[in-house]
C-alpha atoms as a PDB file:
ATOM      1  CA  UNK A   1       0.000   0.007   0.007  1.00  0.00           C
ATOM      2  CA  UNK A   2       1.389   3.459  -0.875  1.00  0.00           C
ATOM      3  CA  UNK A   3       2.448   5.791   1.940  1.00  0.00           C
ATOM      4  CA  UNK A   4       0.353   8.635   0.500  1.00  0.00           C
ATOM      5  CA  UNK A   5      -2.577   9.124  -1.806  1.00  0.00           C
ATOM      6  CA  UNK A   6      -3.183  12.123  -4.053  1.00  0.00           C
ATOM      7  CA  UNK A   7      -6.394  14.173  -3.902  1.00  0.00           C
ATOM      8  CA  UNK A   8      -7.628  16.759  -6.367  1.00  0.00           C
ATOM      9  CA  UNK A   9     -10.116  19.311  -5.061  1.00  0.00           C
ATOM     10  CA  UNK A  10     -11.577  22.556  -6.416  1.00  0.00           C
ATOM     11  CA  UNK A  11     -11.376  25.517  -4.029  1.00  0.00           C
ATOM     12  CA  UNK A  12     -12.179  29.196  -4.486  1.00  0.00           C
ATOM     13  CA  UNK A  13      -8.747  30.799  -5.109  1.00  0.00           C
ATOM     14  CA  UNK A  14      -9.310  33.585  -2.575  1.00  0.00           C
ATOM     15  CA  UNK A  15     -10.295  31.126   0.187  1.00  0.00           C
ATOM     16  CA  UNK A  16      -7.225  29.008  -0.617  1.00  0.00           C
ATOM     17  CA  UNK A  17      -4.929  32.045  -0.439  1.00  0.00           C
ATOM     18  CA  UNK A  18      -6.407  33.147   2.877  1.00  0.00           C
ATOM     19  CA  UNK A  19      -6.266  29.639   4.345  1.00  0.00           C
ATOM     20  CA  UNK A  20      -2.675  29.127   3.162  1.00  0.00           C
ATOM     21  CA  UNK A  21      -1.707  32.354   4.900  1.00  0.00           C
ATOM     22  CA  UNK A  22      -3.298  31.294   8.204  1.00  0.00           C
ATOM     23  CA  UNK A  23      -1.821  27.803   7.998  1.00  0.00           C
ATOM     24  CA  UNK A  24       1.631  29.153   7.205  1.00  0.00           C
ATOM     25  CA  UNK A  25       1.385  31.379  10.307  1.00  0.00           C
ATOM     26  CA  UNK A  26       0.500  28.249  12.298  1.00  0.00           C
ATOM     27  CA  UNK A  27       3.523  26.460  10.848  1.00  0.00           C
ATOM     28  CA  UNK A  28       1.736  23.881   8.761  1.00  0.00           C
ATOM     29  CA  UNK A  29       1.012  23.138   5.131  1.00  0.00           C
ATOM     30  CA  UNK A  30      -2.415  22.843   3.577  1.00  0.00           C
ATOM     31  CA  UNK A  31      -1.753  19.147   3.093  1.00  0.00           C
ATOM     32  CA  UNK A  32      -1.027  18.720   6.817  1.00  0.00           C
ATOM     33  CA  UNK A  33      -4.214  20.601   7.700  1.00  0.00           C
ATOM     34  CA  UNK A  34      -6.309  18.427   5.376  1.00  0.00           C
ATOM     35  CA  UNK A  35      -4.753  15.325   6.911  1.00  0.00           C
ATOM     36  CA  UNK A  36      -5.668  16.559  10.398  1.00  0.00           C
ATOM     37  CA  UNK A  37      -9.229  17.251   9.238  1.00  0.00           C
ATOM     38  CA  UNK A  38      -9.596  13.807   7.653  1.00  0.00           C
ATOM     39  CA  UNK A  39      -8.204  12.088  10.773  1.00  0.00           C
ATOM     40  CA  UNK A  40     -10.828  13.955  12.826  1.00  0.00           C
ATOM     41  CA  UNK A  41     -13.550  12.848  10.387  1.00  0.00           C
ATOM     42  CA  UNK A  42     -12.509   9.235  11.022  1.00  0.00           C
ATOM     43  CA  UNK A  43     -12.262   9.693  14.815  1.00  0.00           C
ATOM     44  CA  UNK A  44     -15.643  11.438  15.002  1.00  0.00           C
ATOM     45  CA  UNK A  45     -17.290   9.250  12.388  1.00  0.00           C
ATOM     46  CA  UNK A  46     -18.444  12.461  10.698  1.00  0.00           C
ATOM     47  CA  UNK A  47     -17.659  16.143  10.312  1.00  0.00           C
ATOM     48  CA  UNK A  48     -15.736  17.187  13.462  1.00  0.00           C
ATOM     49  CA  UNK A  49     -17.658  20.448  13.951  1.00  0.00           C
ATOM     50  CA  UNK A  50     -21.212  21.721  13.810  1.00  0.00           C
ATOM     51  CA  UNK A  51     -22.466  22.872  10.399  1.00  0.00           C
ATOM     52  CA  UNK A  52     -25.428  25.234  10.599  1.00  0.00           C
ATOM     53  CA  UNK A  53     -26.796  28.365   8.991  1.00  0.00           C
ATOM     54  CA  UNK A  54     -25.887  31.604  10.751  1.00  0.00           C
ATOM     55  CA  UNK A  55     -28.588  33.460  12.697  1.00  0.00           C
ATOM     56  CA  UNK A  56     -28.607  37.203  12.075  1.00  0.00           C
ATOM     57  CA  UNK A  57     -30.229  39.924  14.134  1.00  0.00           C
ATOM     58  CA  UNK A  58     -32.749  42.177  12.349  1.00  0.00           C
ATOM     59  CA  UNK A  59     -30.212  44.928  11.626  1.00  0.00           C
ATOM     60  CA  UNK A  60     -27.709  42.558  10.052  1.00  0.00           C
ATOM     61  CA  UNK A  61     -30.415  40.759   8.039  1.00  0.00           C
ATOM     62  CA  UNK A  62     -31.684  44.095   6.683  1.00  0.00           C
ATOM     63  CA  UNK A  63     -28.145  45.151   5.715  1.00  0.00           C
ATOM     64  CA  UNK A  64     -27.600  41.886   3.878  1.00  0.00           C
ATOM     65  CA  UNK A  65     -30.852  42.354   1.928  1.00  0.00           C
ATOM     66  CA  UNK A  66     -29.681  45.787   0.761  1.00  0.00           C
ATOM     67  CA  UNK A  67     -26.746  44.355  -1.199  1.00  0.00           C
END
């Protein structure tokens, strides 16, 4: 069995640039971060964090509708 496996994913370029910057500050590569995420998926038998829609107050909701 190979020691590594290649993955190809499509990511918004701006999100990738921002994430790479944060990860570099933390001293890790994007590949290392993805490996950590996938290990947590296995350990948690699912996504390792809550995924839900944000709840906005009335003022924020109105501002978003103006755009």
